[in-house]
Amino acid sequence: MGRLLVFGVVALVLDVFAIVDVVIIDRSRVRAFPKAVWIVIILAVPFVGALLWFIVGRSWGGGKPERRVVAPDDDPAFLRNLRLQEDQDERIRRLEQELADLDDDNPKD
């Protein structure tokens, strides 16, 4: 009787853990069936359903590769945009200088 109780508690804990894992895991890491079907399997076949989830249904390697964070000074796109902004700023400065020179050449009445 004691062993049966221990097995029941272990099965319950494993099932709860499996259901929580199904709910919080990213959809891209779920294999074989959709999340809702896995929850039904875990609830319909206690212990075995949870084992199936961890063996068959869950991808342990991760669905998507992690995106590496790149510092701004190492990011080519950021540096390209920075150069474009600097070029535009320089062009605006030259145009403003040309307008100022034109205003100086035309004295007011």
Protein backbone atom coordinates (compact mmCIF):
# COMPACT_ATOMS: atom_id res chain seq x y z
CA MET A 1 0.00 0.00 0.00
CA GLY A 2 2.87 2.40 0.82
CA ARG A 3 4.59 1.77 -2.50
CA LEU A 4 1.37 2.42 -4.39
CA LEU A 5 0.95 5.72 -2.56
CA VAL A 6 4.53 6.75 -3.34
CA PHE A 7 4.05 5.80 -7.02
CA GLY A 8 0.83 7.82 -7.12
CA VAL A 9 2.50 10.91 -5.65
CA VAL A 10 5.45 10.60 -8.05
CA ALA A 11 3.07 10.18 -11.01
CA LEU A 12 1.04 13.22 -9.91
CA VAL A 13 4.13 15.38 -9.51
CA LEU A 14 5.48 14.23 -12.89
CA ASP A 15 2.13 14.92 -14.58
CA VAL A 16 1.84 18.40 -13.08
CA PHE A 17 5.43 19.16 -14.07
CA ALA A 18 4.79 17.91 -17.61
CA ILE A 19 1.61 19.98 -18.01
CA VAL A 20 3.35 23.11 -16.77
CA ASP A 21 6.23 22.39 -19.15
CA VAL A 22 3.84 21.98 -22.10
CA VAL A 23 2.11 25.24 -21.29
CA ILE A 24 5.24 27.39 -20.92
CA ILE A 25 7.43 25.89 -23.66
CA ASP A 26 7.79 27.73 -26.96
CA ARG A 27 5.57 26.33 -29.71
CA SER A 28 8.57 25.81 -31.99
CA ARG A 29 10.01 23.25 -29.55
CA VAL A 30 6.92 20.99 -29.50
CA ARG A 31 7.14 17.88 -31.66
CA ALA A 32 4.62 15.30 -32.95
CA PHE A 33 1.36 16.94 -31.76
CA PRO A 34 0.10 20.41 -30.86
CA LYS A 35 0.27 21.54 -27.23
CA ALA A 36 -3.45 20.91 -26.56
CA VAL A 37 -3.14 17.29 -27.70
CA TRP A 38 -0.13 16.77 -25.43
CA ILE A 39 -2.09 18.08 -22.44
CA VAL A 40 -4.92 15.66 -23.23
CA ILE A 41 -2.45 12.77 -23.55
CA ILE A 42 -0.82 13.64 -20.21
CA LEU A 43 -4.19 13.84 -18.47
CA ALA A 44 -5.66 10.74 -20.17
CA VAL A 45 -2.67 8.48 -19.55
CA PRO A 46 -1.03 9.57 -16.28
CA PHE A 47 2.67 8.91 -15.85
CA VAL A 48 3.04 7.32 -19.31
CA GLY A 49 1.71 10.48 -20.99
CA ALA A 50 4.22 12.60 -19.09
CA LEU A 51 7.05 10.26 -20.04
CA LEU A 52 5.96 10.38 -23.67
CA TRP A 53 5.95 14.17 -23.52
CA PHE A 54 9.53 14.31 -22.25
CA ILE A 55 10.79 11.60 -24.63
CA VAL A 56 8.84 12.29 -27.84
CA GLY A 57 7.04 15.61 -27.61
CA ARG A 58 9.65 17.99 -26.30
CA SER A 59 12.63 19.16 -28.29
CA TRP A 60 15.57 19.50 -25.93
CA GLY A 61 17.93 21.23 -28.35
CA GLY A 62 15.83 24.35 -28.76
CA GLY A 63 13.71 25.38 -31.67
CA LYS A 64 15.51 28.52 -32.75
CA PRO A 65 19.13 29.45 -32.33
CA GLU A 66 19.66 32.18 -29.78
CA ARG A 67 20.18 35.60 -31.28
CA ARG A 68 23.59 36.92 -30.42
CA VAL A 69 23.66 40.45 -29.06
CA VAL A 70 26.07 42.62 -31.00
CA ALA A 71 27.52 45.83 -29.62
CA PRO A 72 26.73 48.89 -31.77
CA ASP A 73 30.37 49.42 -32.73
CA ASP A 74 30.53 45.82 -34.03
CA ASP A 75 27.26 45.94 -35.94
CA PRO A 76 27.85 46.65 -39.66
CA ALA A 77 24.29 47.92 -40.20
CA PHE A 78 24.63 50.38 -37.32
CA LEU A 79 27.99 51.63 -38.61
CA ARG A 80 26.60 52.01 -42.13
CA ASN A 81 23.66 54.04 -40.83
CA LEU A 82 26.02 56.12 -38.73
CA ARG A 83 28.14 56.92 -41.80
CA LEU A 84 25.02 57.82 -43.78
CA GLN A 85 23.87 60.13 -41.00
CA GLU A 86 27.30 61.78 -40.85
CA ASP A 87 27.26 62.28 -44.64
CA GLN A 88 23.79 63.83 -44.48
CA ASP A 89 24.84 66.11 -41.62
CA GLU A 90 27.88 67.25 -43.60
CA ARG A 91 25.75 67.93 -46.68
CA ILE A 92 23.28 69.96 -44.61
CA ARG A 93 26.18 71.99 -43.13
CA ARG A 94 27.53 72.77 -46.63
CA LEU A 95 24.08 73.77 -47.92
CA GLU A 96 23.53 76.03 -44.90
CA GLN A 97 26.94 77.60 -45.48
CA GLU A 98 26.12 78.17 -49.16
CA LEU A 99 22.81 79.80 -48.19
CA ALA A 100 24.57 82.00 -45.64
CA ASP A 101 27.14 83.03 -48.28
CA LEU A 102 24.33 83.86 -50.71
CA ASP A 103 22.58 85.97 -48.08
CA ASP A 104 25.83 87.88 -47.42
CA ASP A 105 26.26 88.57 -51.16
CA ASN A 106 22.77 90.09 -51.47
CA PRO A 107 22.59 93.11 -49.18
CA LYS A 108 19.13 94.17 -48.07
CA ASP A 109 17.62 97.45 -49.29
